[in-house]
Amino acid sequence: MNIPTQLPLDPPAVTTNSSPNQRAQN
C-alpha cells in the first residue's frame, strides 16, 4: 500500500525539481 502511494507522489515532485536532473540522481 505504501509503494503505490509513493509512486504517484514521486512524479509530481520530480517535475517540480528537475525531471532530467532528479531522474539521473534517482
N, C-alpha and C. Protein backbone atom coordinates (compact mmCIF):
# COMPACT_ATOMS: atom_id res chain seq x y z
N MET A 1 0.84 -1.21 0.00
CA MET A 1 0.00 0.00 0.00
C MET A 1 0.88 1.26 0.00
N ASN A 2 2.06 1.14 0.55
CA ASN A 2 2.97 2.29 0.61
C ASN A 2 3.63 2.54 -0.74
N ILE A 3 3.90 1.47 -1.46
CA ILE A 3 4.57 1.60 -2.77
C ILE A 3 3.68 2.35 -3.77
N PRO A 4 2.43 1.98 -3.90
CA PRO A 4 1.52 2.65 -4.85
C PRO A 4 1.28 4.12 -4.48
N THR A 5 1.28 4.40 -3.22
CA THR A 5 1.05 5.79 -2.77
C THR A 5 2.27 6.65 -3.04
N GLN A 6 3.44 6.05 -2.98
CA GLN A 6 4.68 6.82 -3.20
C GLN A 6 4.93 7.03 -4.70
N LEU A 7 4.50 6.10 -5.50
CA LEU A 7 4.72 6.20 -6.94
C LEU A 7 4.08 7.48 -7.52
N PRO A 8 2.82 7.70 -7.24
CA PRO A 8 2.11 8.88 -7.75
C PRO A 8 2.69 10.18 -7.17
N LEU A 9 3.24 10.10 -5.98
CA LEU A 9 3.79 11.30 -5.34
C LEU A 9 5.19 11.60 -5.88
N ASP A 10 5.82 10.60 -6.44
CA ASP A 10 7.19 10.77 -6.99
C ASP A 10 7.20 11.62 -8.28
N PRO A 11 6.32 11.32 -9.20
CA PRO A 11 6.26 12.05 -10.48
C PRO A 11 6.11 13.56 -10.29
N PRO A 12 5.17 14.01 -9.50
CA PRO A 12 4.95 15.45 -9.27
C PRO A 12 6.17 16.13 -8.64
N ALA A 13 6.80 15.45 -7.72
CA ALA A 13 7.97 16.02 -7.02
C ALA A 13 9.13 16.16 -8.01
N VAL A 14 9.30 15.17 -8.87
CA VAL A 14 10.40 15.20 -9.84
C VAL A 14 10.19 16.32 -10.86
N THR A 15 8.96 16.51 -11.26
CA THR A 15 8.65 17.54 -12.27
C THR A 15 8.90 18.93 -11.69
N THR A 16 8.62 19.09 -10.41
CA THR A 16 8.79 20.41 -9.78
C THR A 16 10.28 20.73 -9.64
N ASN A 17 11.08 19.70 -9.36
CA ASN A 17 12.52 19.91 -9.18
C ASN A 17 13.23 19.96 -10.54
N SER A 18 13.42 18.80 -11.14
CA SER A 18 14.11 18.73 -12.43
C SER A 18 14.01 17.31 -12.99
N SER A 19 13.15 17.10 -13.93
CA SER A 19 12.94 15.76 -14.49
C SER A 19 14.28 15.09 -14.86
N PRO A 20 15.12 15.74 -15.66
CA PRO A 20 16.40 15.17 -16.10
C PRO A 20 17.39 15.07 -14.95
N ASN A 21 17.44 16.09 -14.12
CA ASN A 21 18.39 16.10 -13.01
C ASN A 21 17.99 15.12 -11.92
N GLN A 22 16.72 15.18 -11.51
CA GLN A 22 16.23 14.31 -10.44
C GLN A 22 16.27 12.85 -10.90
N ARG A 23 15.92 12.62 -12.13
CA ARG A 23 15.87 11.25 -12.64
C ARG A 23 17.29 10.65 -12.68
N ALA A 24 18.25 11.44 -13.04
CA ALA A 24 19.63 10.97 -13.13
C ALA A 24 20.16 10.63 -11.74
N GLN A 25 19.77 11.44 -10.76
CA GLN A 25 20.26 11.22 -9.40
C GLN A 25 19.56 10.02 -8.78
N ASN A 26 18.27 9.87 -9.11
CA ASN A 26 17.49 8.75 -8.56
C ASN A 26 18.02 7.46 -9.15
